[in-house]
Amino acid sequence: TPRRSLDKSLQEDQTKRFVSTLATNLFLIAVGIIAPAFVIGFIEEWSLVDIIYFASITATTIGYGDRSPQKCSTRIIAVFYLPLCITIMAKIFSNITACFMEKRADEAEKEYYNRALTADDLKVMGIERDGAVSFGKFLEFMLVTMNKVGHKDIKELRDLYNALDTDADGSL
């Protein structure tokens, strides 16, 4: 059925977005946080544990100060590394938040697709003289109700259509 196909499609999209977000976040951590920490740690001659500790404490902006670059060259690197860590962590949190928000929106959309239309819905859509609702009215109602477009967008599109319909016969 169309609803099952939609459910499966939404679930596949969610999985793809999750995997893509996870891969992006891991890449950002590896390249933007861990790799520069290894460079700093190598120059400072730190142990692997100290390098990971420094990267973690720096990226999370905890910054106890017990492990910090001492050499001039690593301090210069740290001047660029610290803002990079903050930017990357902000991006990661943004990605995670967007993933959860999209999941909620998909669930709300799925719930809306699975509910029955009410008489009030049909009134809002604008029942024609023959007692039916046109596909255009149904489509407009669904897109606005699911927050895919706003009433302003619909009005602008309707105005554009009317401007293109030079003979006002309802077709282009």
Protein backbone atom coordinates (compact mmCIF):
# COMPACT_ATOMS: atom_id res chain seq x y z
CA THR A 1 0.00 0.00 0.00
CA PRO A 2 1.12 3.62 -0.46
CA ARG A 3 1.32 4.22 3.31
CA ARG A 4 3.61 1.23 3.90
CA SER A 5 5.79 2.35 1.03
CA LEU A 6 5.92 5.84 2.56
CA ASP A 7 6.76 4.43 6.01
CA LYS A 8 9.57 2.34 4.55
CA SER A 9 10.85 5.29 2.54
CA LEU A 10 10.83 7.55 5.63
CA GLN A 11 12.67 4.92 7.66
CA GLU A 12 15.28 4.48 4.91
CA ASP A 13 15.75 8.26 4.71
CA GLN A 14 16.17 8.47 8.50
CA THR A 15 18.76 5.70 8.44
CA LYS A 16 20.68 7.34 5.58
CA ARG A 17 20.67 10.72 7.36
CA PHE A 18 21.81 9.11 10.62
CA VAL A 19 24.68 7.25 8.96
CA SER A 20 25.69 10.35 7.02
CA THR A 21 25.62 12.48 10.20
CA LEU A 22 27.60 9.87 12.11
CA ALA A 23 30.22 9.62 9.36
CA THR A 24 30.51 13.41 9.13
CA ASN A 25 30.89 13.76 12.90
CA LEU A 26 33.53 11.02 13.09
CA PHE A 27 35.44 12.61 10.23
CA LEU A 28 35.35 16.01 11.94
CA ILE A 29 36.59 14.51 15.19
CA ALA A 30 39.38 12.56 13.49
CA VAL A 31 40.64 15.30 11.20
CA GLY A 32 39.85 18.43 13.17
CA ILE A 33 40.35 17.35 16.78
CA ILE A 34 42.46 14.20 17.05
CA ALA A 35 44.96 14.80 14.21
CA PRO A 36 46.04 18.27 15.39
CA ALA A 37 46.26 16.97 18.98
CA PHE A 38 48.61 14.24 17.73
CA VAL A 39 50.78 16.87 16.03
CA ILE A 40 50.92 18.92 19.23
CA GLY A 41 51.51 15.80 21.33
CA PHE A 42 54.24 14.51 19.05
CA ILE A 43 56.12 17.81 19.21
CA GLU A 44 55.60 18.00 22.98
CA GLU A 45 56.62 14.33 23.33
CA TRP A 46 53.45 13.35 25.20
CA SER A 47 52.18 9.80 25.65
CA LEU A 48 49.18 8.54 23.66
CA VAL A 49 47.02 8.82 26.78
CA ASP A 50 48.09 12.45 27.27
CA ILE A 51 47.32 13.27 23.63
CA ILE A 52 43.81 11.79 23.84
CA TYR A 53 43.28 13.50 27.20
CA PHE A 54 44.43 16.87 25.79
CA ALA A 55 42.15 16.50 22.74
CA SER A 56 39.15 15.58 24.91
CA ILE A 57 39.64 18.30 27.49
CA THR A 58 40.33 20.93 24.82
CA ALA A 59 37.48 19.99 22.46
CA THR A 60 34.93 19.94 25.26
CA THR A 61 36.24 23.32 26.48
CA ILE A 62 36.79 21.94 29.98
CA GLY A 63 40.44 22.97 29.86
CA TYR A 64 41.78 22.07 33.29
CA GLY A 65 45.17 23.50 32.29
CA ASP A 66 47.10 20.52 33.65
CA ARG A 67 48.11 19.47 30.13
CA SER A 68 48.97 22.36 27.82
CA PRO A 69 51.53 23.06 25.10
CA GLN A 70 54.83 24.38 26.45
CA LYS A 71 56.88 24.89 23.30
CA CYS A 72 56.49 28.04 21.22
CA SER A 73 55.63 26.09 18.03
CA THR A 74 52.85 24.08 19.71
CA ARG A 75 51.44 27.19 21.35
CA ILE A 76 51.14 28.78 17.92
CA ILE A 77 49.37 25.65 16.66
CA ALA A 78 47.09 25.77 19.73
CA VAL A 79 46.06 29.35 18.88
CA PHE A 80 44.37 27.92 15.78
CA TYR A 81 43.50 24.54 17.28
CA LEU A 82 41.31 25.86 20.10
CA PRO A 83 38.87 27.85 17.91
CA LEU A 84 38.83 24.92 15.48
CA CYS A 85 37.80 22.56 18.30
CA ILE A 86 35.02 24.89 19.41
CA THR A 87 33.75 25.24 15.84
CA ILE A 88 33.83 21.48 15.24
CA MET A 89 32.04 20.69 18.50
CA ALA A 90 29.36 23.28 17.67
CA LYS A 91 28.92 21.68 14.25
CA ILE A 92 28.69 18.22 15.78
CA PHE A 93 26.04 19.31 18.27
CA SER A 94 24.19 21.06 15.45
CA ASN A 95 24.28 17.86 13.38
CA ILE A 96 22.98 15.77 16.28
CA THR A 97 20.19 18.26 17.02
CA ALA A 98 19.18 18.41 13.36
CA CYS A 99 19.06 14.60 13.23
CA PHE A 100 16.68 14.46 16.20
CA MET A 101 14.53 17.32 14.88
CA GLU A 102 14.21 15.68 11.46
CA LYS A 103 13.26 12.39 13.12
CA ARG A 104 10.52 14.16 15.09
CA ALA A 105 9.28 15.94 11.98
CA ASP A 106 9.21 12.65 10.05
CA GLU A 107 7.27 10.98 12.87
CA ALA A 108 4.76 13.84 12.94
CA GLU A 109 4.42 13.62 9.17
CA LYS A 110 3.91 9.87 9.35
CA GLU A 111 1.28 10.30 12.05
CA TYR A 112 -0.49 12.91 9.94
CA TYR A 113 -0.50 10.66 6.87
CA ASN A 114 -2.05 7.86 8.89
CA ARG A 115 -4.90 9.85 10.36
CA ALA A 116 -8.33 10.05 8.78
CA LEU A 117 -9.53 13.29 7.22
CA THR A 118 -12.34 14.97 9.12
CA ALA A 119 -15.29 17.02 7.92
CA ASP A 120 -13.52 20.09 9.30
CA ASP A 121 -10.46 19.27 7.17
CA LEU A 122 -12.67 19.09 4.09
CA LYS A 123 -14.25 22.46 4.95
CA VAL A 124 -10.83 24.06 5.32
CA MET A 125 -9.76 22.59 1.98
CA GLY A 126 -12.73 24.23 0.31
CA ILE A 127 -15.42 21.86 -0.91
CA GLU A 128 -16.43 22.67 -4.48
CA ARG A 129 -20.04 23.09 -5.64
CA ASP A 130 -20.20 19.42 -6.54
CA GLY A 131 -19.29 18.42 -2.96
CA ALA A 132 -15.77 17.28 -3.89
CA VAL A 133 -12.32 18.60 -3.08
CA SER A 134 -9.97 19.12 -6.01
CA PHE A 135 -6.48 17.65 -6.00
CA GLY A 136 -5.06 21.20 -5.99
CA LYS A 137 -7.00 22.13 -2.84
CA PHE A 138 -6.05 18.84 -1.16
CA LEU A 139 -2.39 19.32 -2.07
CA GLU A 140 -2.39 22.90 -0.79
CA PHE A 141 -4.04 21.84 2.49
CA MET A 142 -1.61 18.98 3.05
CA LEU A 143 1.53 21.01 2.24
CA VAL A 144 0.51 23.86 4.54
CA THR A 145 -0.67 21.56 7.34
CA MET A 146 2.58 19.57 7.29
CA ASN A 147 4.57 22.83 7.31
CA LYS A 148 6.17 22.07 3.96
CA VAL A 149 5.10 25.51 2.74
CA GLY A 150 3.36 28.46 4.35
CA HIS A 151 0.21 30.35 3.40
CA LYS A 152 2.45 33.17 2.13
CA ASP A 153 4.21 30.73 -0.24
CA ILE A 154 0.86 29.53 -1.57
CA LYS A 155 -0.32 33.12 -2.10
CA GLU A 156 2.88 34.02 -3.96
CA LEU A 157 2.57 30.94 -6.18
CA ARG A 158 -1.11 31.69 -6.82
CA ASP A 159 -0.22 35.30 -7.76
CA LEU A 160 2.52 34.04 -10.11
CA TYR A 161 0.09 31.59 -11.71
CA ASN A 162 -2.50 34.32 -12.18
CA ALA A 163 0.11 36.61 -13.75
CA LEU A 164 1.12 33.86 -16.18
CA ASP A 165 -2.55 33.07 -16.97
CA THR A 166 -2.89 36.08 -19.27
CA ASP A 167 -6.34 35.18 -20.62
CA ALA A 168 -7.66 34.27 -17.11
CA ASP A 169 -9.11 30.95 -18.27
CA GLY A 170 -7.59 28.98 -15.38
CA SER A 171 -4.89 27.28 -17.44
CA LEU A 172 -1.47 28.11 -18.82
